[in-house]
Amino acid sequence: MTAIDSSLLLSKRQVEQRETGRSSLGKDDFLKILIAQLQHQDPLNPIEDREFISQMANFSSLEQMINMSNMMSKFIETQTDTSEKLVTTLDSLQKLIQQQVTPSLAQYSEWIGKTVTWDEQSGIVKAVVQKGTEVWLELEQGETVLASRVTKVSQ
């Protein structure tokens, strides 16, 4: 006796998947159905006016919903583009503001040779040094003071 080949069993058989059209009907499909219905109606029992008007109203509603959906898609796309541009602009503004807020070496260089006062102490500025985002003043006495602590600059 011979064994049955297991590939011939129904449980192993692959069912062929058939593809149909789209999963939703569009306005063109709806209009085709309506025209086909009018062409194939019984001449002795035609569609009543109310039923025909109802179908036309449904078609009009479908068309308006599709148009609104397309317009909303375009609106969302525009808003996304605008948001991306706004973020880029805000980043640029933040960098510009940071550059304006961060004290520069050149701003404090005019203090060289002048007397600065901080915490009831004073001294004459010999040099200006920038360390990262902070500006330090080197005084003739050998001390250093953070420029942001200075409360008075005089001749």
C-alpha atoms as a PDB file:
ATOM      1  CA  MET A   1       0.000   0.000   0.000  1.00  0.00           C
ATOM      2  CA  THR A   2       1.298   3.476  -0.833  1.00  0.00           C
ATOM      3  CA  ALA A   3       1.068   6.490   1.396  1.00  0.00           C
ATOM      4  CA  ILE A   4      -0.990   9.540   0.409  1.00  0.00           C
ATOM      5  CA  ASP A   5       1.077  12.594  -0.428  1.00  0.00           C
ATOM      6  CA  SER A   6       0.318  15.195   2.287  1.00  0.00           C
ATOM      7  CA  SER A   7       0.487  18.059  -0.235  1.00  0.00           C
ATOM      8  CA  LEU A   8      -2.699  16.689  -1.832  1.00  0.00           C
ATOM      9  CA  LEU A   9      -4.777  17.125   1.351  1.00  0.00           C
ATOM     10  CA  LEU A  10      -7.504  19.800   1.236  1.00  0.00           C
ATOM     11  CA  SER A  11      -6.189  21.403   4.427  1.00  0.00           C
ATOM     12  CA  LYS A  12      -2.890  22.151   2.640  1.00  0.00           C
ATOM     13  CA  ARG A  13      -4.584  23.653  -0.412  1.00  0.00           C
ATOM     14  CA  GLN A  14      -4.048  27.387  -0.745  1.00  0.00           C
ATOM     15  CA  VAL A  15      -7.181  29.305  -1.518  1.00  0.00           C
ATOM     16  CA  GLU A  16      -6.693  31.776  -4.323  1.00  0.00           C
ATOM     17  CA  GLN A  17      -7.436  35.319  -3.215  1.00  0.00           C
ATOM     18  CA  ARG A  18      -9.474  37.244  -5.727  1.00  0.00           C
ATOM     19  CA  GLU A  19      -9.259  40.967  -5.728  1.00  0.00           C
ATOM     20  CA  THR A  20     -12.263  43.105  -6.387  1.00  0.00           C
ATOM     21  CA  GLY A  21     -12.272  46.814  -7.003  1.00  0.00           C
ATOM     22  CA  ARG A  22     -12.078  49.538  -4.417  1.00  0.00           C
ATOM     23  CA  SER A  23     -13.708  49.000  -1.065  1.00  0.00           C
ATOM     24  CA  SER A  24     -15.809  52.170  -1.358  1.00  0.00           C
ATOM     25  CA  LEU A  25     -17.966  53.677  -4.054  1.00  0.00           C
ATOM     26  CA  GLY A  26     -17.236  57.100  -5.439  1.00  0.00           C
ATOM     27  CA  LYS A  27     -19.564  59.612  -7.023  1.00  0.00           C
ATOM     28  CA  ASP A  28     -18.925  58.226 -10.516  1.00  0.00           C
ATOM     29  CA  ASP A  29     -19.893  54.722  -9.358  1.00  0.00           C
ATOM     30  CA  PHE A  30     -23.039  56.060  -7.730  1.00  0.00           C
ATOM     31  CA  LEU A  31     -24.011  57.932 -10.901  1.00  0.00           C
ATOM     32  CA  LYS A  32     -23.414  54.783 -13.036  1.00  0.00           C
ATOM     33  CA  ILE A  33     -25.689  52.785 -10.740  1.00  0.00           C
ATOM     34  CA  LEU A  34     -28.394  55.471 -10.963  1.00  0.00           C
ATOM     35  CA  ILE A  35     -28.194  55.591 -14.786  1.00  0.00           C
ATOM     36  CA  ALA A  36     -28.293  51.783 -15.031  1.00  0.00           C
ATOM     37  CA  GLN A  37     -31.325  51.765 -12.770  1.00  0.00           C
ATOM     38  CA  LEU A  38     -33.091  54.321 -14.988  1.00  0.00           C
ATOM     39  CA  GLN A  39     -32.215  52.395 -18.157  1.00  0.00           C
ATOM     40  CA  HIS A  40     -33.479  49.070 -16.829  1.00  0.00           C
ATOM     41  CA  GLN A  41     -36.613  50.199 -15.036  1.00  0.00           C
ATOM     42  CA  ASP A  42     -39.977  48.686 -15.777  1.00  0.00           C
ATOM     43  CA  PRO A  43     -41.778  51.045 -18.205  1.00  0.00           C
ATOM     44  CA  LEU A  44     -45.139  50.085 -16.679  1.00  0.00           C
ATOM     45  CA  ASN A  45     -43.880  50.807 -13.149  1.00  0.00           C
ATOM     46  CA  PRO A  46     -41.300  53.664 -13.348  1.00  0.00           C
ATOM     47  CA  ILE A  47     -39.411  55.098 -10.379  1.00  0.00           C
ATOM     48  CA  GLU A  48     -41.564  57.439  -8.358  1.00  0.00           C
ATOM     49  CA  ASP A  49     -40.601  61.105  -8.308  1.00  0.00           C
ATOM     50  CA  ARG A  50     -39.916  61.086  -4.576  1.00  0.00           C
ATOM     51  CA  GLU A  51     -37.586  58.101  -4.847  1.00  0.00           C
ATOM     52  CA  PHE A  52     -35.719  59.658  -7.789  1.00  0.00           C
ATOM     53  CA  ILE A  53     -35.369  63.000  -5.972  1.00  0.00           C
ATOM     54  CA  SER A  54     -34.114  61.154  -2.894  1.00  0.00           C
ATOM     55  CA  GLN A  55     -31.479  59.348  -4.967  1.00  0.00           C
ATOM     56  CA  MET A  56     -30.379  62.615  -6.606  1.00  0.00           C
ATOM     57  CA  ALA A  57     -30.146  64.249  -3.166  1.00  0.00           C
ATOM     58  CA  ASN A  58     -27.987  61.347  -1.985  1.00  0.00           C
ATOM     59  CA  PHE A  59     -25.767  61.766  -5.034  1.00  0.00           C
ATOM     60  CA  SER A  60     -25.455  65.498  -4.407  1.00  0.00           C
ATOM     61  CA  SER A  61     -24.612  64.887  -0.746  1.00  0.00           C
ATOM     62  CA  LEU A  62     -21.980  62.320  -1.703  1.00  0.00           C
ATOM     63  CA  GLU A  63     -20.398  64.731  -4.175  1.00  0.00           C
ATOM     64  CA  GLN A  64     -20.298  67.537  -1.584  1.00  0.00           C
ATOM     65  CA  MET A  65     -18.757  65.224   1.029  1.00  0.00           C
ATOM     66  CA  ILE A  66     -16.047  64.166  -1.418  1.00  0.00           C
ATOM     67  CA  ASN A  67     -15.343  67.821  -2.292  1.00  0.00           C
ATOM     68  CA  MET A  68     -15.166  68.741   1.400  1.00  0.00           C
ATOM     69  CA  SER A  69     -12.832  65.829   2.074  1.00  0.00           C
ATOM     70  CA  ASN A  70     -10.514  66.944  -0.738  1.00  0.00           C
ATOM     71  CA  MET A  71     -10.580  70.532   0.517  1.00  0.00           C
ATOM     72  CA  MET A  72      -9.814  69.413   4.088  1.00  0.00           C
ATOM     73  CA  SER A  73      -6.879  67.353   2.831  1.00  0.00           C
ATOM     74  CA  LYS A  74      -5.491  70.381   1.010  1.00  0.00           C
ATOM     75  CA  PHE A  75      -6.102  72.574   4.066  1.00  0.00           C
ATOM     76  CA  ILE A  76      -4.276  70.137   6.376  1.00  0.00           C
ATOM     77  CA  GLU A  77      -1.387  69.927   3.906  1.00  0.00           C
ATOM     78  CA  THR A  78      -1.173  73.731   3.806  1.00  0.00           C
ATOM     79  CA  GLN A  79      -1.280  73.946   7.606  1.00  0.00           C
ATOM     80  CA  THR A  80       1.496  71.366   7.897  1.00  0.00           C
ATOM     81  CA  ASP A  81       3.689  73.331   5.483  1.00  0.00           C
ATOM     82  CA  THR A  82       2.925  76.554   7.357  1.00  0.00           C
ATOM     83  CA  SER A  83       3.729  74.917  10.711  1.00  0.00           C
ATOM     84  CA  GLU A  84       7.087  73.669   9.418  1.00  0.00           C
ATOM     85  CA  LYS A  85       7.952  77.150   8.099  1.00  0.00           C
ATOM     86  CA  LEU A  86       6.862  78.698  11.396  1.00  0.00           C
ATOM     87  CA  VAL A  87       9.076  76.326  13.390  1.00  0.00           C
ATOM     88  CA  THR A  88      12.041  77.172  11.154  1.00  0.00           C
ATOM     89  CA  THR A  89      11.358  80.894  11.579  1.00  0.00           C
ATOM     90  CA  LEU A  90      11.048  80.542  15.361  1.00  0.00           C
ATOM     91  CA  ASP A  91      14.355  78.655  15.521  1.00  0.00           C
ATOM     92  CA  SER A  92      16.038  81.446  13.569  1.00  0.00           C
ATOM     93  CA  LEU A  93      14.507  84.083  15.841  1.00  0.00           C
ATOM     94  CA  GLN A  94      15.642  82.241  18.955  1.00  0.00           C
ATOM     95  CA  LYS A  95      19.204  82.093  17.616  1.00  0.00           C
ATOM     96  CA  LEU A  96      19.090  85.797  16.770  1.00  0.00           C
ATOM     97  CA  ILE A  97      17.745  86.677  20.229  1.00  0.00           C
ATOM     98  CA  GLN A  98      20.414  84.498  21.862  1.00  0.00           C
ATOM     99  CA  GLN A  99      23.107  86.333  19.900  1.00  0.00           C
ATOM    100  CA  GLN A 100      21.665  89.685  20.992  1.00  0.00           C
ATOM    101  CA  VAL A 101      21.334  88.651  24.647  1.00  0.00           C
ATOM    102  CA  THR A 102      24.762  87.055  24.944  1.00  0.00           C
ATOM    103  CA  PRO A 103      27.222  89.806  25.872  1.00  0.00           C
ATOM    104  CA  SER A 104      30.072  90.077  23.445  1.00  0.00           C
ATOM    105  CA  LEU A 105      33.713  90.812  24.039  1.00  0.00           C
ATOM    106  CA  ALA A 106      33.457  93.982  21.950  1.00  0.00           C
ATOM    107  CA  GLN A 107      30.726  95.427  24.195  1.00  0.00           C
ATOM    108  CA  TYR A 108      32.946  95.241  27.265  1.00  0.00           C
ATOM    109  CA  SER A 109      36.202  96.232  25.575  1.00  0.00           C
ATOM    110  CA  GLU A 110      35.372  99.914  26.055  1.00  0.00           C
ATOM    111  CA  TRP A 111      35.630  99.319  29.838  1.00  0.00           C
ATOM    112  CA  ILE A 112      39.411  98.819  29.548  1.00  0.00           C
ATOM    113  CA  GLY A 113      41.147 101.555  31.547  1.00  0.00           C
ATOM    114  CA  LYS A 114      37.970 102.498  33.412  1.00  0.00           C
ATOM    115  CA  THR A 115      37.069 101.888  37.049  1.00  0.00           C
ATOM    116  CA  VAL A 116      34.377  99.311  37.704  1.00  0.00           C
ATOM    117  CA  THR A 117      32.483  98.819  40.960  1.00  0.00           C
ATOM    118  CA  TRP A 118      30.856  95.593  42.235  1.00  0.00           C
ATOM    119  CA  ASP A 119      29.869  94.386  45.718  1.00  0.00           C
ATOM    120  CA  GLU A 120      31.340  97.537  47.341  1.00  0.00           C
ATOM    121  CA  GLN A 121      34.708  96.812  45.670  1.00  0.00           C
ATOM    122  CA  SER A 122      36.300  98.585  42.736  1.00  0.00           C
ATOM    123  CA  GLY A 123      39.231  98.240  40.358  1.00  0.00           C
ATOM    124  CA  ILE A 124      40.599  99.387  36.993  1.00  0.00           C
ATOM    125  CA  VAL A 125      39.956  97.049  34.039  1.00  0.00           C
ATOM    126  CA  LYS A 126      43.137  95.833  32.340  1.00  0.00           C
ATOM    127  CA  ALA A 127      41.626  93.232  29.957  1.00  0.00           C
ATOM    128  CA  VAL A 128      38.362  91.564  28.953  1.00  0.00           C
ATOM    129  CA  VAL A 129      38.191  87.750  28.634  1.00  0.00           C
ATOM    130  CA  GLN A 130      35.322  85.646  27.310  1.00  0.00           C
ATOM    131  CA  LYS A 131      34.911  82.131  28.748  1.00  0.00           C
ATOM    132  CA  GLY A 132      32.014  80.351  27.035  1.00  0.00           C
ATOM    133  CA  THR A 133      29.043  82.685  27.271  1.00  0.00           C
ATOM    134  CA  GLU A 134      30.441  84.640  30.251  1.00  0.00           C
ATOM    135  CA  VAL A 135      32.619  87.734  30.081  1.00  0.00           C
ATOM    136  CA  TRP A 136      35.260  88.249  32.792  1.00  0.00           C
ATOM    137  CA  LEU A 137      37.160  91.435  33.532  1.00  0.00           C
ATOM    138  CA  GLU A 138      40.845  91.251  34.506  1.00  0.00           C
ATOM    139  CA  LEU A 139      41.754  94.082  36.863  1.00  0.00           C
ATOM    140  CA  GLU A 140      45.123  95.792  37.350  1.00  0.00           C
ATOM    141  CA  GLN A 141      45.318  94.362  40.878  1.00  0.00           C
ATOM    142  CA  GLY A 142      45.297  90.833  39.381  1.00  0.00           C
ATOM    143  CA  GLU A 143      41.727  90.045  40.354  1.00  0.00           C
ATOM    144  CA  THR A 144      39.032  88.881  37.956  1.00  0.00           C
ATOM    145  CA  VAL A 145      35.365  89.733  38.215  1.00  0.00           C
ATOM    146  CA  LEU A 146      32.362  88.571  36.254  1.00  0.00           C
ATOM    147  CA  ALA A 147      31.173  91.467  34.068  1.00  0.00           C
ATOM    148  CA  SER A 148      27.523  90.815  34.938  1.00  0.00           C
ATOM    149  CA  ARG A 149      28.300  91.609  38.631  1.00  0.00           C
ATOM    150  CA  VAL A 150      29.479  95.142  37.805  1.00  0.00           C
ATOM    151  CA  THR A 151      27.126  97.840  39.118  1.00  0.00           C
ATOM    152  CA  LYS A 152      29.045 100.965  38.058  1.00  0.00           C
ATOM    153  CA  VAL A 153      31.595 101.991  35.395  1.00  0.00           C
ATOM    154  CA  SER A 154      33.445 105.309  35.748  1.00  0.00           C
ATOM    155  CA  GLN A 155      36.562 107.115  34.454  1.00  0.00           C
END
